[in-house]
N, C-alpha and C. Protein backbone atom coordinates (compact mmCIF):
# COMPACT_ATOMS: atom_id res chain seq x y z
N MET A 1 37.08 12.93 -24.52
CA MET A 1 36.85 14.33 -25.36
C MET A 1 38.71 15.63 -24.54
N ARG A 2 39.08 14.88 -26.73
CA ARG A 2 40.62 15.92 -25.86
C ARG A 2 39.94 17.35 -26.14
N CYS A 3 40.80 18.16 -25.27
CA CYS A 3 40.34 19.62 -24.74
C CYS A 3 41.93 20.47 -25.18
N VAL A 4 42.17 21.46 -25.15
CA VAL A 4 42.99 22.36 -25.18
C VAL A 4 42.70 23.33 -24.01
N ILE A 5 43.25 23.60 -22.91
CA ILE A 5 43.27 23.93 -21.95
C ILE A 5 44.58 24.56 -21.29
N ALA A 6 45.07 25.89 -21.51
CA ALA A 6 46.88 26.58 -21.21
C ALA A 6 47.45 26.02 -22.23
N ARG A 7 46.56 26.00 -23.07
CA ARG A 7 47.82 24.98 -24.46
C ARG A 7 48.40 23.80 -23.84
N PHE A 8 47.58 23.31 -23.08
CA PHE A 8 48.06 21.67 -22.97
C PHE A 8 46.69 20.96 -22.89
N PRO A 9 47.37 19.77 -23.75
CA PRO A 9 45.77 18.94 -23.83
C PRO A 9 45.63 18.00 -23.33
N PHE A 10 44.13 17.68 -22.84
CA PHE A 10 43.61 17.22 -21.72
C PHE A 10 42.96 16.15 -22.30
N ASP A 11 42.15 15.10 -21.84
CA ASP A 11 41.53 14.21 -22.28
C ASP A 11 40.37 13.87 -21.17
N LEU A 12 39.13 14.79 -21.68
CA LEU A 12 38.43 14.83 -20.23
C LEU A 12 36.98 14.14 -20.11
N SER A 13 36.43 13.91 -19.65
CA SER A 13 35.21 12.90 -19.68
C SER A 13 34.49 13.23 -19.05
N LYS A 14 33.39 13.25 -19.48
CA LYS A 14 32.02 13.94 -18.46
C LYS A 14 32.45 13.36 -17.13
N SER A 15 31.85 12.31 -16.62
CA SER A 15 32.54 11.28 -15.39
C SER A 15 33.51 11.68 -14.75
N GLU A 16 34.78 11.70 -15.46
CA GLU A 16 35.65 12.26 -14.53
C GLU A 16 35.41 13.72 -14.09
N VAL A 17 35.10 14.51 -14.68
CA VAL A 17 34.67 15.82 -14.01
C VAL A 17 34.44 15.52 -12.93
N LEU A 18 33.25 14.81 -12.59
CA LEU A 18 32.15 14.68 -11.80
C LEU A 18 32.42 14.14 -10.64
N ALA A 19 33.46 13.45 -10.99
CA ALA A 19 34.54 12.56 -10.33
C ALA A 19 35.49 13.81 -8.88
N SER A 20 35.79 14.27 -10.16
CA SER A 20 36.91 14.98 -9.61
C SER A 20 36.37 16.40 -8.80
N MET A 21 35.10 16.89 -9.42
CA MET A 21 34.44 18.20 -8.20
C MET A 21 33.90 17.21 -7.27
N LYS A 22 33.87 15.73 -6.88
CA LYS A 22 33.49 15.54 -6.29
C LYS A 22 33.84 15.68 -5.21
N GLY A 23 32.69 16.20 -3.46
CA GLY A 23 33.17 16.75 -2.20
C GLY A 23 34.03 18.07 -2.10
N VAL A 24 33.76 18.47 -3.92
CA VAL A 24 34.66 20.34 -3.60
C VAL A 24 33.84 21.04 -3.49
N LYS A 25 34.15 22.31 -2.49
CA LYS A 25 32.96 22.83 -1.67
C LYS A 25 33.18 23.92 -3.00
N PRO A 26 31.94 24.87 -3.48
CA PRO A 26 31.84 25.58 -4.38
C PRO A 26 31.94 26.98 -3.96
N GLU A 27 33.31 27.86 -4.59
CA GLU A 27 33.09 29.27 -4.23
C GLU A 27 32.68 30.24 -4.16
N PRO A 28 32.49 31.49 -3.71
CA PRO A 28 31.22 32.20 -4.12
C PRO A 28 31.23 32.23 -5.62
N ILE A 29 30.23 32.75 -6.48
CA ILE A 29 30.79 33.51 -8.03
C ILE A 29 30.32 34.21 -8.40
N THR A 30 31.36 35.18 -8.88
CA THR A 30 30.93 36.52 -9.37
C THR A 30 31.41 36.43 -10.57
N GLY A 31 31.62 35.66 -11.59
CA GLY A 31 31.17 35.87 -12.75
C GLY A 31 31.15 34.52 -13.70
N GLU A 32 31.43 33.56 -14.66
CA GLU A 32 30.59 32.60 -15.12
C GLU A 32 30.90 31.08 -14.27
N SER A 33 29.71 30.66 -14.63
CA SER A 33 29.92 29.69 -13.24
C SER A 33 29.74 28.21 -14.72
N VAL A 34 29.96 27.10 -14.02
CA VAL A 34 29.11 25.60 -14.53
C VAL A 34 28.29 24.69 -13.34
N LEU A 35 26.64 24.43 -13.89
CA LEU A 35 26.36 23.79 -13.27
C LEU A 35 26.97 22.17 -12.98
N ILE A 36 27.51 21.98 -12.42
CA ILE A 36 28.26 19.91 -11.90
C ILE A 36 26.95 19.36 -10.78
N GLY A 37 26.31 18.58 -11.04
CA GLY A 37 25.64 18.02 -10.37
C GLY A 37 24.06 18.66 -10.34
N ARG A 38 24.52 19.58 -8.63
CA ARG A 38 23.08 20.55 -8.53
C ARG A 38 23.79 22.09 -7.60
N ARG A 39 25.21 22.08 -7.78
CA ARG A 39 25.92 22.81 -7.59
C ARG A 39 26.49 23.55 -8.65
N HIS A 40 26.53 24.90 -8.63
CA HIS A 40 27.43 26.10 -9.58
C HIS A 40 28.79 26.53 -9.14
N TYR A 41 29.73 26.11 -9.92
CA TYR A 41 30.96 26.27 -9.35
C TYR A 41 31.04 27.35 -10.13
N PRO A 42 32.31 28.29 -10.09
CA PRO A 42 32.47 29.13 -10.69
C PRO A 42 33.65 28.92 -11.48
N VAL A 43 33.43 28.38 -12.92
CA VAL A 43 34.65 28.57 -13.95
C VAL A 43 36.32 28.20 -13.45
N LYS A 44 36.92 29.40 -13.12
CA LYS A 44 38.34 29.41 -12.72
C LYS A 44 38.59 27.68 -11.87
N GLN A 45 38.07 28.00 -10.68
CA GLN A 45 37.70 26.89 -9.44
C GLN A 45 37.74 25.65 -10.21
N VAL A 46 37.19 25.19 -11.05
CA VAL A 46 36.61 23.86 -11.55
C VAL A 46 38.25 23.65 -13.09
N GLY A 47 38.79 24.62 -13.75
CA GLY A 47 39.52 24.87 -14.15
C GLY A 47 40.68 24.02 -13.42
N GLU A 48 40.71 25.03 -12.57
CA GLU A 48 42.32 24.53 -11.86
C GLU A 48 42.05 23.14 -10.76
N VAL A 49 40.65 22.48 -10.45
CA VAL A 49 40.82 20.86 -9.97
C VAL A 49 41.01 20.08 -11.42
N ILE A 50 40.07 20.71 -12.56
CA ILE A 50 40.67 19.17 -13.42
C ILE A 50 41.84 19.58 -13.73
N THR A 51 42.58 20.55 -13.92
CA THR A 51 43.59 20.77 -14.69
C THR A 51 45.11 20.77 -13.86
N ARG A 52 44.81 21.02 -12.27
CA ARG A 52 45.93 21.00 -12.01
C ARG A 52 47.00 22.26 -12.26
N GLN A 53 46.12 23.09 -12.69
CA GLN A 53 47.06 24.46 -12.87
C GLN A 53 46.63 25.74 -12.29
N ASP A 54 47.53 26.45 -12.33
CA ASP A 54 47.48 28.07 -11.82
C ASP A 54 45.77 28.51 -12.55
N ARG A 55 44.94 29.11 -11.34
CA ARG A 55 44.37 30.17 -12.37
C ARG A 55 44.22 30.88 -13.75
N ARG A 56 45.86 31.65 -13.18
CA ARG A 56 46.19 32.66 -14.20
C ARG A 56 47.17 31.52 -15.34
N ASP A 57 47.08 30.93 -15.66
CA ASP A 57 47.75 29.92 -16.38
C ASP A 57 46.75 29.84 -17.33
N PHE A 58 45.30 29.78 -17.58
CA PHE A 58 44.01 29.70 -18.51
C PHE A 58 42.81 30.57 -18.48
N THR A 59 42.17 30.42 -19.20
CA THR A 59 40.98 32.09 -19.27
C THR A 59 39.77 31.16 -19.01
N SER A 60 38.86 32.15 -18.47
CA SER A 60 37.43 31.31 -18.48
C SER A 60 37.01 30.35 -19.53
N GLY A 61 36.99 31.34 -20.82
CA GLY A 61 36.60 30.97 -21.86
C GLY A 61 36.96 29.40 -22.13
N GLU A 62 38.24 29.09 -21.78
CA GLU A 62 38.77 27.65 -22.58
C GLU A 62 38.09 26.65 -21.92
N VAL A 63 37.71 26.69 -20.45
CA VAL A 63 37.02 25.88 -19.69
C VAL A 63 35.91 26.24 -20.11
N THR A 64 34.96 27.07 -20.21
CA THR A 64 33.47 27.02 -20.73
C THR A 64 33.13 26.42 -21.79
N ARG A 65 34.62 26.13 -22.55
CA ARG A 65 34.17 25.91 -24.18
C ARG A 65 33.85 24.06 -23.99
N ALA A 66 35.64 23.96 -23.03
CA ALA A 66 35.51 22.44 -23.07
C ALA A 66 34.15 21.84 -21.89
N MET A 67 33.71 22.92 -20.70
CA MET A 67 32.13 22.24 -19.95
C MET A 67 31.43 22.42 -20.92
N SER A 68 31.05 22.71 -21.92
CA SER A 68 29.61 23.18 -23.10
C SER A 68 30.08 22.53 -24.01
N ARG A 69 31.61 21.24 -24.17
CA ARG A 69 31.41 20.53 -25.06
C ARG A 69 31.15 18.98 -24.41
N LEU A 70 31.37 18.88 -23.03
CA LEU A 70 31.34 17.63 -22.40
C LEU A 70 29.85 18.22 -21.91
N GLY A 71 29.15 18.44 -22.20
CA GLY A 71 27.21 18.71 -22.05
C GLY A 71 27.06 19.15 -20.55
N PHE A 72 27.86 20.28 -19.65
CA PHE A 72 27.64 20.44 -18.41
C PHE A 72 26.79 22.12 -19.00
N THR A 73 26.19 22.81 -18.30
CA THR A 73 25.41 24.37 -18.02
C THR A 73 26.23 24.94 -17.84
N CYS A 74 26.99 25.71 -18.59
CA CYS A 74 27.96 27.01 -18.68
C CYS A 74 26.38 28.31 -18.31
N ARG A 75 27.40 29.44 -17.61
CA ARG A 75 26.19 30.46 -17.13
C ARG A 75 27.29 31.87 -17.38
N ASN A 76 27.06 32.88 -18.19
CA ASN A 76 28.00 33.84 -17.87
C ASN A 76 27.44 34.75 -16.41
N GLY A 77 28.11 35.09 -15.51
CA GLY A 77 27.64 36.41 -14.93
C GLY A 77 27.18 37.42 -15.01
N HIS A 78 25.99 37.75 -16.23
CA HIS A 78 24.95 38.52 -16.33
C HIS A 78 23.76 37.39 -16.13
N GLU A 79 23.44 36.02 -16.96
CA GLU A 79 22.88 35.47 -16.93
C GLU A 79 22.11 35.15 -15.41
N GLY A 80 23.23 35.51 -14.20
CA GLY A 80 22.83 35.22 -12.89
C GLY A 80 22.15 35.58 -11.93
N ALA A 81 21.70 36.72 -12.66
CA ALA A 81 21.01 38.08 -12.15
C ALA A 81 19.68 37.77 -11.22
N PRO A 82 18.66 37.53 -10.49
CA PRO A 82 17.18 37.25 -10.32
C PRO A 82 16.11 37.59 -11.03
N THR A 83 15.14 37.19 -11.32
CA THR A 83 14.33 37.43 -12.32
C THR A 83 13.35 37.64 -11.42
N VAL A 84 12.86 38.97 -12.17
CA VAL A 84 11.25 39.53 -11.42
C VAL A 84 10.18 38.69 -10.90
N ARG A 85 9.41 38.26 -9.68
CA ARG A 85 8.78 37.43 -9.83
C ARG A 85 6.89 37.78 -10.80
N ALA A 86 6.94 37.28 -11.76
CA ALA A 86 5.22 37.90 -12.07
C ALA A 86 3.95 37.88 -11.00
N LEU A 87 2.95 39.27 -11.21
CA LEU A 87 1.87 38.95 -10.14
C LEU A 87 0.99 38.15 -10.41
N THR A 88 0.33 37.72 -9.96
CA THR A 88 -0.82 37.41 -9.94
C THR A 88 -2.10 38.07 -10.68
N PRO A 89 -2.61 37.63 -11.10
CA PRO A 89 -4.18 38.29 -12.03
C PRO A 89 -4.35 39.65 -10.81
N LEU A 90 -4.74 38.85 -9.33
CA LEU A 90 -5.49 39.76 -8.58
C LEU A 90 -4.47 40.93 -7.99
N GLN A 91 -3.32 40.72 -8.36
CA GLN A 91 -2.02 41.61 -8.36
C GLN A 91 -1.94 42.89 -9.31
N THR A 92 -2.23 42.07 -10.81
CA THR A 92 -2.37 42.60 -11.66
C THR A 92 -3.18 44.00 -12.17
N ALA A 93 -4.79 43.48 -11.37
CA ALA A 93 -5.59 44.76 -11.52
C ALA A 93 -6.28 45.73 -10.25
N SER A 94 -5.26 45.01 -9.25
CA SER A 94 -5.24 45.72 -8.05
C SER A 94 -4.54 47.32 -8.47
N ALA A 95 -2.95 47.04 -9.02
CA ALA A 95 -1.85 47.56 -9.89
C ALA A 95 -2.98 48.55 -11.28
N LEU A 96 -3.30 48.02 -11.71
CA LEU A 96 -4.10 48.80 -12.69
C LEU A 96 -5.18 49.55 -12.34
N LEU A 97 -5.91 49.51 -11.04
CA LEU A 97 -7.29 50.39 -10.59
C LEU A 97 -6.66 51.35 -10.07
N GLY A 98 -5.29 51.08 -9.45
CA GLY A 98 -4.90 52.16 -7.81
C GLY A 98 -4.83 52.40 -6.98
N ARG A 99 -4.48 52.94 -6.61
CA ARG A 99 -5.35 52.91 -5.05
C ARG A 99 -5.90 53.53 -4.26
N PRO A 100 -7.00 53.63 -3.97
CA PRO A 100 -7.49 54.75 -3.35
C PRO A 100 -7.16 56.04 -2.76
N THR A 101 -7.66 57.15 -2.75
CA THR A 101 -6.82 58.11 -2.46
C THR A 101 -8.29 58.69 -1.39
N THR A 102 -8.26 58.89 -0.04
CA THR A 102 -8.46 59.35 0.98
C THR A 102 -8.69 61.15 1.69
């Protein structure tokens, strides 16, 4: 698929991206991320590896659009927040009844 990143056209395929990112250790995620294989990578790291350009030359939005069009799962920084675990029925009943006072 033809993608434009930092005003340069790239012909990318999902298999090429997978091959490029194989063996690359993910950096800590501070914002948007891409799921490649079983690992989450920062979007800027993926863009740097696949385009061989400096991270300042492109935006995370350009790489996110390209990765989404190739079929990769992308997340913005706000979706990565941990979710609250649901209470079990026993915990819910205990919370509704309250604690006994002494």
